[in-house]
Amino acid sequence: MSEKQRELWINILPEDVEKMLEDKGNFQLIDVREVDEYKAGHIKGAVLIPLSQLDVRHFEIDRDKETVVVCRSGGRSTKACEYLSSRGHSRLKNMTGGMLNWKGETE
């Protein structure tokens, strides 16, 4: 990954994402897990775009909004941030530890 790409996204802790949700900030939450994982429990308001579909669905993500990307453990969300930054997205945040570290409510 190039330095320029790395500058386009940062890591964020699950606790910080929970605070963002409480503050009702203007951001989008993208869950890149697979459908069955999402159905088993996801963060309220998260939009499901599986990593396997990101190449054909990345246009659904608003480039003007801050974007938090989440997966099960942080690996797929890192790949998603790398891919999205290569497609010109910025203001990306990767939720480290993924849903395994999420302590907040799920639906």
PDB file of N, CA and C in Angstrom:
ATOM      1  N   MET A   1       0.847  -1.169   0.000  1.00  0.00           N
ATOM      2  CA  MET A   1       0.000   0.000   0.000  1.00  0.00           C
ATOM      3  C   MET A   1       0.893   1.233   0.000  1.00  0.00           C
ATOM      4  N   SER A   2       0.561   2.219  -0.812  1.00  0.00           N
ATOM      5  CA  SER A   2       1.374   3.423  -0.885  1.00  0.00           C
ATOM      6  C   SER A   2       1.078   4.341   0.299  1.00  0.00           C
ATOM      7  N   GLU A   3       2.006   5.258   0.570  1.00  0.00           N
ATOM      8  CA  GLU A   3       1.794   6.226   1.652  1.00  0.00           C
ATOM      9  C   GLU A   3       0.560   7.073   1.374  1.00  0.00           C
ATOM     10  N   LYS A   4       0.359   7.439   0.127  1.00  0.00           N
ATOM     11  CA  LYS A   4      -0.800   8.269  -0.228  1.00  0.00           C
ATOM     12  C   LYS A   4      -2.096   7.526   0.093  1.00  0.00           C
ATOM     13  N   GLN A   5      -2.183   6.244  -0.253  1.00  0.00           N
ATOM     14  CA  GLN A   5      -3.378   5.469   0.056  1.00  0.00           C
ATOM     15  C   GLN A   5      -3.567   5.371   1.559  1.00  0.00           C
ATOM     16  N   ARG A   6      -2.507   5.147   2.288  1.00  0.00           N
ATOM     17  CA  ARG A   6      -2.595   4.987   3.737  1.00  0.00           C
ATOM     18  C   ARG A   6      -3.139   6.256   4.389  1.00  0.00           C
ATOM     19  N   GLU A   7      -2.810   7.399   3.836  1.00  0.00           N
ATOM     20  CA  GLU A   7      -3.286   8.662   4.389  1.00  0.00           C
ATOM     21  C   GLU A   7      -4.792   8.831   4.216  1.00  0.00           C
ATOM     22  N   LEU A   8      -5.401   8.077   3.330  1.00  0.00           N
ATOM     23  CA  LEU A   8      -6.826   8.241   3.041  1.00  0.00           C
ATOM     24  C   LEU A   8      -7.723   7.495   4.020  1.00  0.00           C
ATOM     25  N   TRP A   9      -7.148   6.657   4.859  1.00  0.00           N
ATOM     26  CA  TRP A   9      -7.951   5.967   5.861  1.00  0.00           C
ATOM     27  C   TRP A   9      -7.151   5.749   7.127  1.00  0.00           C
ATOM     28  N   ILE A  10      -7.874   5.647   8.246  1.00  0.00           N
ATOM     29  CA  ILE A  10      -7.245   5.443   9.543  1.00  0.00           C
ATOM     30  C   ILE A  10      -7.974   4.322  10.276  1.00  0.00           C
ATOM     31  N   ASN A  11      -7.343   3.795  11.294  1.00  0.00           N
ATOM     32  CA  ASN A  11      -7.982   2.806  12.155  1.00  0.00           C
ATOM     33  C   ASN A  11      -8.729   3.522  13.274  1.00  0.00           C
ATOM     34  N   ILE A  12      -9.854   2.944  13.675  1.00  0.00           N
ATOM     35  CA  ILE A  12     -10.671   3.511  14.741  1.00  0.00           C
ATOM     36  C   ILE A  12     -11.128   2.370  15.651  1.00  0.00           C
ATOM     37  N   LEU A  13     -11.170   2.626  16.936  1.00  0.00           N
ATOM     38  CA  LEU A  13     -11.595   1.615  17.893  1.00  0.00           C
ATOM     39  C   LEU A  13     -13.114   1.473  17.908  1.00  0.00           C
ATOM     40  N   PRO A  14     -13.612   0.275  18.215  1.00  0.00           N
ATOM     41  CA  PRO A  14     -15.060   0.089  18.314  1.00  0.00           C
ATOM     42  C   PRO A  14     -15.720   1.073  19.289  1.00  0.00           C
ATOM     43  N   GLU A  15     -15.038   1.388  20.383  1.00  0.00           N
ATOM     44  CA  GLU A  15     -15.592   2.341  21.349  1.00  0.00           C
ATOM     45  C   GLU A  15     -15.801   3.716  20.719  1.00  0.00           C
ATOM     46  N   ASP A  16     -14.896   4.099  19.827  1.00  0.00           N
ATOM     47  CA  ASP A  16     -15.019   5.391  19.143  1.00  0.00           C
ATOM     48  C   ASP A  16     -16.193   5.380  18.159  1.00  0.00           C
ATOM     49  N   VAL A  17     -16.420   4.235  17.522  1.00  0.00           N
ATOM     50  CA  VAL A  17     -17.565   4.111  16.614  1.00  0.00           C
ATOM     51  C   VAL A  17     -18.858   4.214  17.419  1.00  0.00           C
ATOM     52  N   GLU A  18     -18.883   3.574  18.575  1.00  0.00           N
ATOM     53  CA  GLU A  18     -20.070   3.640  19.431  1.00  0.00           C
ATOM     54  C   GLU A  18     -20.344   5.092  19.836  1.00  0.00           C
ATOM     55  N   LYS A  19     -19.302   5.838  20.156  1.00  0.00           N
ATOM     56  CA  LYS A  19     -19.451   7.258  20.508  1.00  0.00           C
ATOM     57  C   LYS A  19     -19.981   8.047  19.315  1.00  0.00           C
ATOM     58  N   MET A  20     -19.478   7.764  18.124  1.00  0.00           N
ATOM     59  CA  MET A  20     -19.965   8.440  16.915  1.00  0.00           C
ATOM     60  C   MET A  20     -21.458   8.191  16.730  1.00  0.00           C
ATOM     61  N   LEU A  21     -21.894   6.960  16.995  1.00  0.00           N
ATOM     62  CA  LEU A  21     -23.304   6.619  16.870  1.00  0.00           C
ATOM     63  C   LEU A  21     -24.144   7.358  17.907  1.00  0.00           C
ATOM     64  N   GLU A  22     -23.642   7.431  19.128  1.00  0.00           N
ATOM     65  CA  GLU A  22     -24.347   8.154  20.190  1.00  0.00           C
ATOM     66  C   GLU A  22     -24.479   9.626  19.856  1.00  0.00           C
ATOM     67  N   ASP A  23     -23.437  10.195  19.240  1.00  0.00           N
ATOM     68  CA  ASP A  23     -23.439  11.610  18.876  1.00  0.00           C
ATOM     69  C   ASP A  23     -24.255  11.888  17.618  1.00  0.00           C
ATOM     70  N   LYS A  24     -24.735  10.811  16.987  1.00  0.00           N
ATOM     71  CA  LYS A  24     -25.530  10.904  15.764  1.00  0.00           C
ATOM     72  C   LYS A  24     -24.843  11.752  14.692  1.00  0.00           C
ATOM     73  N   GLY A  25     -23.556  11.482  14.530  1.00  0.00           N
ATOM     74  CA  GLY A  25     -22.780  12.194  13.522  1.00  0.00           C
ATOM     75  C   GLY A  25     -23.217  11.829  12.108  1.00  0.00           C
ATOM     76  N   ASN A  26     -22.807  12.650  11.169  1.00  0.00           N
ATOM     77  CA  ASN A  26     -23.158  12.440   9.767  1.00  0.00           C
ATOM     78  C   ASN A  26     -22.089  11.566   9.110  1.00  0.00           C
ATOM     79  N   PHE A  27     -22.257  10.260   9.254  1.00  0.00           N
ATOM     80  CA  PHE A  27     -21.314   9.320   8.662  1.00  0.00           C
ATOM     81  C   PHE A  27     -22.086   8.079   8.230  1.00  0.00           C
ATOM     82  N   GLN A  28     -21.435   7.274   7.399  1.00  0.00           N
ATOM     83  CA  GLN A  28     -22.054   6.017   6.962  1.00  0.00           C
ATOM     84  C   GLN A  28     -21.234   4.858   7.489  1.00  0.00           C
ATOM     85  N   LEU A  29     -21.937   3.790   7.835  1.00  0.00           N
ATOM     86  CA  LEU A  29     -21.323   2.595   8.378  1.00  0.00           C
ATOM     87  C   LEU A  29     -21.525   1.473   7.367  1.00  0.00           C
ATOM     88  N   ILE A  30     -20.430   0.930   6.858  1.00  0.00           N
ATOM     89  CA  ILE A  30     -20.471  -0.115   5.835  1.00  0.00           C
ATOM     90  C   ILE A  30     -19.954  -1.418   6.431  1.00  0.00           C
ATOM     91  N   ASP A  31     -20.784  -2.450   6.387  1.00  0.00           N
ATOM     92  CA  ASP A  31     -20.426  -3.778   6.890  1.00  0.00           C
ATOM     93  C   ASP A  31     -20.039  -4.624   5.684  1.00  0.00           C
ATOM     94  N   VAL A  32     -18.802  -5.106   5.658  1.00  0.00           N
ATOM     95  CA  VAL A  32     -18.306  -5.851   4.492  1.00  0.00           C
ATOM     96  C   VAL A  32     -18.272  -7.363   4.717  1.00  0.00           C
ATOM     97  N   ARG A  33     -18.990  -7.829   5.745  1.00  0.00           N
ATOM     98  CA  ARG A  33     -19.080  -9.277   5.973  1.00  0.00           C
ATOM     99  C   ARG A  33     -20.073  -9.875   4.978  1.00  0.00           C
ATOM    100  N   GLU A  34     -20.232 -11.175   5.036  1.00  0.00           N
ATOM    101  CA  GLU A  34     -21.181 -11.856   4.162  1.00  0.00           C
ATOM    102  C   GLU A  34     -22.587 -11.799   4.776  1.00  0.00           C
ATOM    103  N   VAL A  35     -23.584 -12.085   3.961  1.00  0.00           N
ATOM    104  CA  VAL A  35     -24.987 -11.954   4.350  1.00  0.00           C
ATOM    105  C   VAL A  35     -25.310 -12.710   5.630  1.00  0.00           C
ATOM    106  N   ASP A  36     -24.873 -13.965   5.746  1.00  0.00           N
ATOM    107  CA  ASP A  36     -25.196 -14.758   6.932  1.00  0.00           C
ATOM    108  C   ASP A  36     -24.585 -14.158   8.201  1.00  0.00           C
ATOM    109  N   GLU A  37     -23.388 -13.594   8.100  1.00  0.00           N
ATOM    110  CA  GLU A  37     -22.749 -12.955   9.249  1.00  0.00           C
ATOM    111  C   GLU A  37     -23.531 -11.706   9.666  1.00  0.00           C
ATOM    112  N   TYR A  38     -23.933 -10.929   8.682  1.00  0.00           N
ATOM    113  CA  TYR A  38     -24.701  -9.701   8.920  1.00  0.00           C
ATOM    114  C   TYR A  38     -26.030 -10.031   9.601  1.00  0.00           C
ATOM    115  N   LYS A  39     -26.715 -11.062   9.089  1.00  0.00           N
ATOM    116  CA  LYS A  39     -28.002 -11.458   9.658  1.00  0.00           C
ATOM    117  C   LYS A  39     -27.868 -11.960  11.088  1.00  0.00           C
ATOM    118  N   ALA A  40     -26.717 -12.521  11.426  1.00  0.00           N
ATOM    119  CA  ALA A  40     -26.491 -13.031  12.779  1.00  0.00           C
ATOM    120  C   ALA A  40     -26.343 -11.905  13.800  1.00  0.00           C
ATOM    121  N   GLY A  41     -26.116 -10.692  13.334  1.00  0.00           N
ATOM    122  CA  GLY A  41     -25.988  -9.539  14.215  1.00  0.00           C
ATOM    123  C   GLY A  41     -25.102  -8.476  13.613  1.00  0.00           C
ATOM    124  N   HIS A  42     -25.633  -7.261  13.532  1.00  0.00           N
ATOM    125  CA  HIS A  42     -24.875  -6.153  12.965  1.00  0.00           C
ATOM    126  C   HIS A  42     -25.181  -4.877  13.736  1.00  0.00           C
ATOM    127  N   ILE A  43     -24.360  -3.885  13.530  1.00  0.00           N
ATOM    128  CA  ILE A  43     -24.548  -2.591  14.169  1.00  0.00           C
ATOM    129  C   ILE A  43     -25.731  -1.901  13.493  1.00  0.00           C
ATOM    130  N   LYS A  44     -26.630  -1.367  14.312  1.00  0.00           N
ATOM    131  CA  LYS A  44     -27.816  -0.702  13.777  1.00  0.00           C
ATOM    132  C   LYS A  44     -27.404   0.410  12.813  1.00  0.00           C
ATOM    133  N   GLY A  45     -28.029   0.399  11.655  1.00  0.00           N
ATOM    134  CA  GLY A  45     -27.745   1.406  10.639  1.00  0.00           C
ATOM    135  C   GLY A  45     -26.656   1.021   9.657  1.00  0.00           C
ATOM    136  N   ALA A  46     -25.980  -0.089   9.905  1.00  0.00           N
ATOM    137  CA  ALA A  46     -24.909  -0.521   9.003  1.00  0.00           C
ATOM    138  C   ALA A  46     -25.499  -1.002   7.679  1.00  0.00           C
ATOM    139  N   VAL A  47     -24.875  -0.586   6.601  1.00  0.00           N
ATOM    140  CA  VAL A  47     -25.276  -1.011   5.264  1.00  0.00           C
ATOM    141  C   VAL A  47     -24.391  -2.188   4.862  1.00  0.00           C
ATOM    142  N   LEU A  48     -25.016  -3.261   4.433  1.00  0.00           N
ATOM    143  CA  LEU A  48     -24.265  -4.448   4.025  1.00  0.00           C
ATOM    144  C   LEU A  48     -23.807  -4.327   2.575  1.00  0.00           C
ATOM    145  N   ILE A  49     -22.493  -4.334   2.393  1.00  0.00           N
ATOM    146  CA  ILE A  49     -21.872  -4.447   1.075  1.00  0.00           C
ATOM    147  C   ILE A  49     -20.724  -5.436   1.253  1.00  0.00           C
ATOM    148  N   PRO A  50     -20.983  -6.728   1.047  1.00  0.00           N
ATOM    149  CA  PRO A  50     -19.926  -7.723   1.257  1.00  0.00           C
ATOM    150  C   PRO A  50     -18.666  -7.394   0.456  1.00  0.00           C
ATOM    151  N   LEU A  51     -17.519  -7.687   1.046  1.00  0.00           N
ATOM    152  CA  LEU A  51     -16.248  -7.437   0.367  1.00  0.00           C
ATOM    153  C   LEU A  51     -16.240  -8.070  -1.016  1.00  0.00           C
ATOM    154  N   SER A  52     -16.856  -9.229  -1.145  1.00  0.00           N
ATOM    155  CA  SER A  52     -16.897  -9.929  -2.433  1.00  0.00           C
ATOM    156  C   SER A  52     -17.693  -9.166  -3.497  1.00  0.00           C
ATOM    157  N   GLN A  53     -18.488  -8.179  -3.090  1.00  0.00           N
ATOM    158  CA  GLN A  53     -19.286  -7.388  -4.035  1.00  0.00           C
ATOM    159  C   GLN A  53     -18.806  -5.944  -4.143  1.00  0.00           C
ATOM    160  N   LEU A  54     -17.794  -5.591  -3.369  1.00  0.00           N
ATOM    161  CA  LEU A  54     -17.364  -4.200  -3.296  1.00  0.00           C
ATOM    162  C   LEU A  54     -16.946  -3.629  -4.644  1.00  0.00           C
ATOM    163  N   ASP A  55     -16.331  -4.450  -5.489  1.00  0.00           N
ATOM    164  CA  ASP A  55     -15.868  -3.951  -6.785  1.00  0.00           C
ATOM    165  C   ASP A  55     -17.011  -3.498  -7.686  1.00  0.00           C
ATOM    166  N   VAL A  56     -18.206  -4.050  -7.490  1.00  0.00           N
ATOM    167  CA  VAL A  56     -19.350  -3.636  -8.320  1.00  0.00           C
ATOM    168  C   VAL A  56     -20.347  -2.760  -7.563  1.00  0.00           C
ATOM    169  N   ARG A  57     -20.142  -2.582  -6.252  1.00  0.00           N
ATOM    170  CA  ARG A  57     -21.085  -1.795  -5.465  1.00  0.00           C
ATOM    171  C   ARG A  57     -20.464  -0.580  -4.772  1.00  0.00           C
ATOM    172  N   HIS A  58     -19.176  -0.343  -4.980  1.00  0.00           N
ATOM    173  CA  HIS A  58     -18.517   0.762  -4.282  1.00  0.00           C
ATOM    174  C   HIS A  58     -19.147   2.108  -4.606  1.00  0.00           C
ATOM    175  N   PHE A  59     -19.800   2.230  -5.737  1.00  0.00           N
ATOM    176  CA  PHE A  59     -20.457   3.483  -6.109  1.00  0.00           C
ATOM    177  C   PHE A  59     -21.623   3.819  -5.177  1.00  0.00           C
ATOM    178  N   GLU A  60     -22.110   2.846  -4.406  1.00  0.00           N
ATOM    179  CA  GLU A  60     -23.202   3.077  -3.457  1.00  0.00           C
ATOM    180  C   GLU A  60     -22.733   3.834  -2.217  1.00  0.00           C
ATOM    181  N   ILE A  61     -21.434   3.945  -2.047  1.00  0.00           N
ATOM    182  CA  ILE A  61     -20.867   4.618  -0.881  1.00  0.00           C
ATOM    183  C   ILE A  61     -20.632   6.089  -1.221  1.00  0.00           C
ATOM    184  N   ASP A  62     -21.234   6.970  -0.429  1.00  0.00           N
ATOM    185  CA  ASP A  62     -21.152   8.417  -0.642  1.00  0.00           C
ATOM    186  C   ASP A  62     -19.733   8.893  -0.327  1.00  0.00           C
ATOM    187  N   ARG A  63     -19.040   9.397  -1.333  1.00  0.00           N
ATOM    188  CA  ARG A  63     -17.658   9.858  -1.158  1.00  0.00           C
ATOM    189  C   ARG A  63     -17.562  11.110  -0.293  1.00  0.00           C
ATOM    190  N   ASP A  64     -18.664  11.830  -0.152  1.00  0.00           N
ATOM    191  CA  ASP A  64     -18.641  13.076   0.610  1.00  0.00           C
ATOM    192  C   ASP A  64     -18.852  12.875   2.109  1.00  0.00           C
ATOM    193  N   LYS A  65     -19.204  11.665   2.509  1.00  0.00           N
ATOM    194  CA  LYS A  65     -19.441  11.380   3.919  1.00  0.00           C
ATOM    195  C   LYS A  65     -18.278  10.608   4.524  1.00  0.00           C
ATOM    196  N   GLU A  66     -18.066  10.852   5.790  1.00  0.00           N
ATOM    197  CA  GLU A  66     -17.124  10.030   6.534  1.00  0.00           C
ATOM    198  C   GLU A  66     -17.669   8.604   6.513  1.00  0.00           C
ATOM    199  N   THR A  67     -16.792   7.624   6.320  1.00  0.00           N
ATOM    200  CA  THR A  67     -17.217   6.231   6.170  1.00  0.00           C
ATOM    201  C   THR A  67     -16.457   5.341   7.138  1.00  0.00           C
ATOM    202  N   VAL A  68     -17.212   4.593   7.953  1.00  0.00           N
ATOM    203  CA  VAL A  68     -16.631   3.610   8.853  1.00  0.00           C
ATOM    204  C   VAL A  68     -16.893   2.236   8.250  1.00  0.00           C
ATOM    205  N   VAL A  69     -15.839   1.438   8.112  1.00  0.00           N
ATOM    206  CA  VAL A  69     -15.949   0.108   7.518  1.00  0.00           C
ATOM    207  C   VAL A  69     -15.706  -0.933   8.611  1.00  0.00           C
ATOM    208  N   VAL A  70     -16.584  -1.944   8.662  1.00  0.00           N
ATOM    209  CA  VAL A  70     -16.510  -2.962   9.704  1.00  0.00           C
ATOM    210  C   VAL A  70     -16.639  -4.360   9.099  1.00  0.00           C
ATOM    211  N   CYS A  71     -15.977  -5.335   9.728  1.00  0.00           N
ATOM    212  CA  CYS A  71     -16.111  -6.741   9.351  1.00  0.00           C
ATOM    213  C   CYS A  71     -16.103  -7.566  10.631  1.00  0.00           C
ATOM    214  N   ARG A  72     -15.725  -8.818  10.559  1.00  0.00           N
ATOM    215  CA  ARG A  72     -15.723  -9.674  11.747  1.00  0.00           C
ATOM    216  C   ARG A  72     -14.553  -9.352  12.681  1.00  0.00           C
ATOM    217  N   SER A  73     -13.337  -9.264  12.104  1.00  0.00           N
ATOM    218  CA  SER A  73     -12.158  -9.090  12.960  1.00  0.00           C
ATOM    219  C   SER A  73     -11.243  -7.937  12.544  1.00  0.00           C
ATOM    220  N   GLY A  74     -11.508  -7.312  11.420  1.00  0.00           N
ATOM    221  CA  GLY A  74     -10.695  -6.186  10.959  1.00  0.00           C
ATOM    222  C   GLY A  74      -9.917  -6.440   9.693  1.00  0.00           C
ATOM    223  N   GLY A  75      -9.808  -7.686   9.270  1.00  0.00           N
ATOM    224  CA  GLY A  75      -9.045  -8.007   8.058  1.00  0.00           C
ATOM    225  C   GLY A  75      -9.737  -7.588   6.776  1.00  0.00           C
ATOM    226  N   ARG A  76     -10.991  -7.972   6.636  1.00  0.00           N
ATOM    227  CA  ARG A  76     -11.728  -7.613   5.413  1.00  0.00           C
ATOM    228  C   ARG A  76     -11.984  -6.115   5.333  1.00  0.00           C
ATOM    229  N   SER A  77     -12.209  -5.488   6.490  1.00  0.00           N
ATOM    230  CA  SER A  77     -12.437  -4.040   6.457  1.00  0.00           C
ATOM    231  C   SER A  77     -11.165  -3.299   6.061  1.00  0.00           C
ATOM    232  N   THR A  78     -10.004  -3.822   6.444  1.00  0.00           N
ATOM    233  CA  THR A  78      -8.742  -3.234   6.002  1.00  0.00           C
ATOM    234  C   THR A  78      -8.620  -3.342   4.488  1.00  0.00           C
ATOM    235  N   LYS A  79      -8.924  -4.524   3.946  1.00  0.00           N
ATOM    236  CA  LYS A  79      -8.886  -4.707   2.483  1.00  0.00           C
ATOM    237  C   LYS A  79      -9.883  -3.780   1.803  1.00  0.00           C
ATOM    238  N   ALA A  80     -11.062  -3.613   2.396  1.00  0.00           N
ATOM    239  CA  ALA A  80     -12.073  -2.720   1.819  1.00  0.00           C
ATOM    240  C   ALA A  80     -11.574  -1.280   1.801  1.00  0.00           C
ATOM    241  N   CYS A  81     -10.928  -0.842   2.889  1.00  0.00           N
ATOM    242  CA  CYS A  81     -10.389   0.521   2.924  1.00  0.00           C
ATOM    243  C   CYS A  81      -9.303   0.709   1.879  1.00  0.00           C
ATOM    244  N   GLU A  82      -8.455  -0.291   1.726  1.00  0.00           N
ATOM    245  CA  GLU A  82      -7.409  -0.226   0.697  1.00  0.00           C
ATOM    246  C   GLU A  82      -8.039  -0.106  -0.685  1.00  0.00           C
ATOM    247  N   TYR A  83      -9.044  -0.934  -0.954  1.00  0.00           N
ATOM    248  CA  TYR A  83      -9.713  -0.910  -2.258  1.00  0.00           C
ATOM    249  C   TYR A  83     -10.406   0.434  -2.485  1.00  0.00           C
ATOM    250  N   LEU A  84     -11.170   0.879  -1.502  1.00  0.00           N
ATOM    251  CA  LEU A  84     -11.904   2.130  -1.659  1.00  0.00           C
ATOM    252  C   LEU A  84     -10.970   3.318  -1.836  1.00  0.00           C
ATOM    253  N   SER A  85      -9.864   3.342  -1.105  1.00  0.00           N
ATOM    254  CA  SER A  85      -8.922   4.449  -1.272  1.00  0.00           C
ATOM    255  C   SER A  85      -8.290   4.414  -2.660  1.00  0.00           C
ATOM    256  N   SER A  86      -8.102   3.223  -3.224  1.00  0.00           N
ATOM    257  CA  SER A  86      -7.553   3.121  -4.583  1.00  0.00           C
ATOM    258  C   SER A  86      -8.556   3.595  -5.629  1.00  0.00           C
ATOM    259  N   ARG A  87      -9.828   3.665  -5.245  1.00  0.00           N
ATOM    260  CA  ARG A  87     -10.886   4.139  -6.136  1.00  0.00           C
ATOM    261  C   ARG A  87     -11.254   5.598  -5.874  1.00  0.00           C
ATOM    262  N   GLY A  88     -10.420   6.269  -5.075  1.00  0.00           N
ATOM    263  CA  GLY A  88     -10.620   7.697  -4.856  1.00  0.00           C
ATOM    264  C   GLY A  88     -11.429   8.081  -3.631  1.00  0.00           C
ATOM    265  N   HIS A  89     -11.828   7.102  -2.833  1.00  0.00           N
ATOM    266  CA  HIS A  89     -12.545   7.428  -1.606  1.00  0.00           C
ATOM    267  C   HIS A  89     -11.547   7.911  -0.552  1.00  0.00           C
ATOM    268  N   SER A  90     -11.987   8.837   0.259  1.00  0.00           N
ATOM    269  CA  SER A  90     -11.194   9.295   1.396  1.00  0.00           C
ATOM    270  C   SER A  90     -12.137   9.377   2.591  1.00  0.00           C
ATOM    271  N   ARG A  91     -11.681   9.903   3.708  1.00  0.00           N
ATOM    272  CA  ARG A  91     -12.496   9.993   4.919  1.00  0.00           C
ATOM    273  C   ARG A  91     -12.964   8.611   5.372  1.00  0.00           C
ATOM    274  N   LEU A  92     -12.083   7.618   5.200  1.00  0.00           N
ATOM    275  CA  LEU A  92     -12.379   6.238   5.567  1.00  0.00           C
ATOM    276  C   LEU A  92     -11.811   5.912   6.940  1.00  0.00           C
ATOM    277  N   LYS A  93     -12.574   5.131   7.706  1.00  0.00           N
ATOM    278  CA  LYS A  93     -12.124   4.648   9.010  1.00  0.00           C
ATOM    279  C   LYS A  93     -12.362   3.147   9.068  1.00  0.00           C
ATOM    280  N   ASN A  94     -11.336   2.418   9.446  1.00  0.00           N
ATOM    281  CA  ASN A  94     -11.401   0.968   9.593  1.00  0.00           C
ATOM    282  C   ASN A  94     -11.607   0.643  11.068  1.00  0.00           C
ATOM    283  N   MET A  95     -12.718  -0.024  11.418  1.00  0.00           N
ATOM    284  CA  MET A  95     -12.963  -0.385  12.809  1.00  0.00           C
ATOM    285  C   MET A  95     -12.109  -1.597  13.172  1.00  0.00           C
ATOM    286  N   THR A  96     -11.070  -1.353  13.969  1.00  0.00           N
ATOM    287  CA  THR A  96     -10.141  -2.413  14.342  1.00  0.00           C
ATOM    288  C   THR A  96     -10.817  -3.453  15.232  1.00  0.00           C
ATOM    289  N   GLY A  97     -10.467  -4.689  15.007  1.00  0.00           N
ATOM    290  CA  GLY A  97     -11.025  -5.778  15.803  1.00  0.00           C
ATOM    291  C   GLY A  97     -12.406  -6.209  15.371  1.00  0.00           C
ATOM    292  N   GLY A  98     -13.040  -5.427  14.511  1.00  0.00           N
ATOM    293  CA  GLY A  98     -14.340  -5.781  13.956  1.00  0.00           C
ATOM    294  C   GLY A  98     -15.401  -6.098  14.991  1.00  0.00           C
ATOM    295  N   MET A  99     -16.386  -6.871  14.557  1.00  0.00           N
ATOM    296  CA  MET A  99     -17.518  -7.217  15.413  1.00  0.00           C
ATOM    297  C   MET A  99     -17.101  -8.078  16.605  1.00  0.00           C
ATOM    298  N   LEU A 100     -15.960  -8.743  16.509  1.00  0.00           N
ATOM    299  CA  LEU A 100     -15.481  -9.525  17.648  1.00  0.00           C
ATOM    300  C   LEU A 100     -15.201  -8.632  18.858  1.00  0.00           C
ATOM    301  N   ASN A 101     -14.853  -7.372  18.608  1.00  0.00           N
ATOM    302  CA  ASN A 101     -14.560  -6.433  19.692  1.00  0.00           C
ATOM    303  C   ASN A 101     -15.703  -5.455  19.956  1.00  0.00           C
ATOM    304  N   TRP A 102     -16.792  -5.567  19.239  1.00  0.00           N
ATOM    305  CA  TRP A 102     -17.920  -4.651  19.407  1.00  0.00           C
ATOM    306  C   TRP A 102     -18.674  -4.997  20.685  1.00  0.00           C
ATOM    307  N   LYS A 103     -18.836  -4.020  21.555  1.00  0.00           N
ATOM    308  CA  LYS A 103     -19.537  -4.226  22.824  1.00  0.00           C
ATOM    309  C   LYS A 103     -20.923  -3.591  22.820  1.00  0.00           C
ATOM    310  N   GLY A 104     -21.209  -2.787  21.788  1.00  0.00           N
ATOM    311  CA  GLY A 104     -22.487  -2.093  21.703  1.00  0.00           C
ATOM    312  C   GLY A 104     -23.626  -3.011  21.261  1.00  0.00           C
ATOM    313  N   GLU A 105     -24.776  -2.404  21.106  1.00  0.00           N
ATOM    314  CA  GLU A 105     -25.949  -3.156  20.689  1.00  0.00           C
ATOM    315  C   GLU A 105     -25.837  -3.601  19.237  1.00  0.00           C
ATOM    316  N   THR A 106     -26.511  -4.699  18.950  1.00  0.00           N
ATOM    317  CA  THR A 106     -26.614  -5.182  17.574  1.00  0.00           C
ATOM    318  C   THR A 106     -28.084  -5.462  17.282  1.00  0.00           C
ATOM    319  N   GLU A 107     -28.369  -5.573  16.018  1.00  0.00           N
ATOM    320  CA  GLU A 107     -29.730  -5.956  15.630  1.00  0.00           C
ATOM    321  C   GLU A 107     -29.684  -7.081  14.652  1.00  0.00           C
TER     322      GLU A 107
END
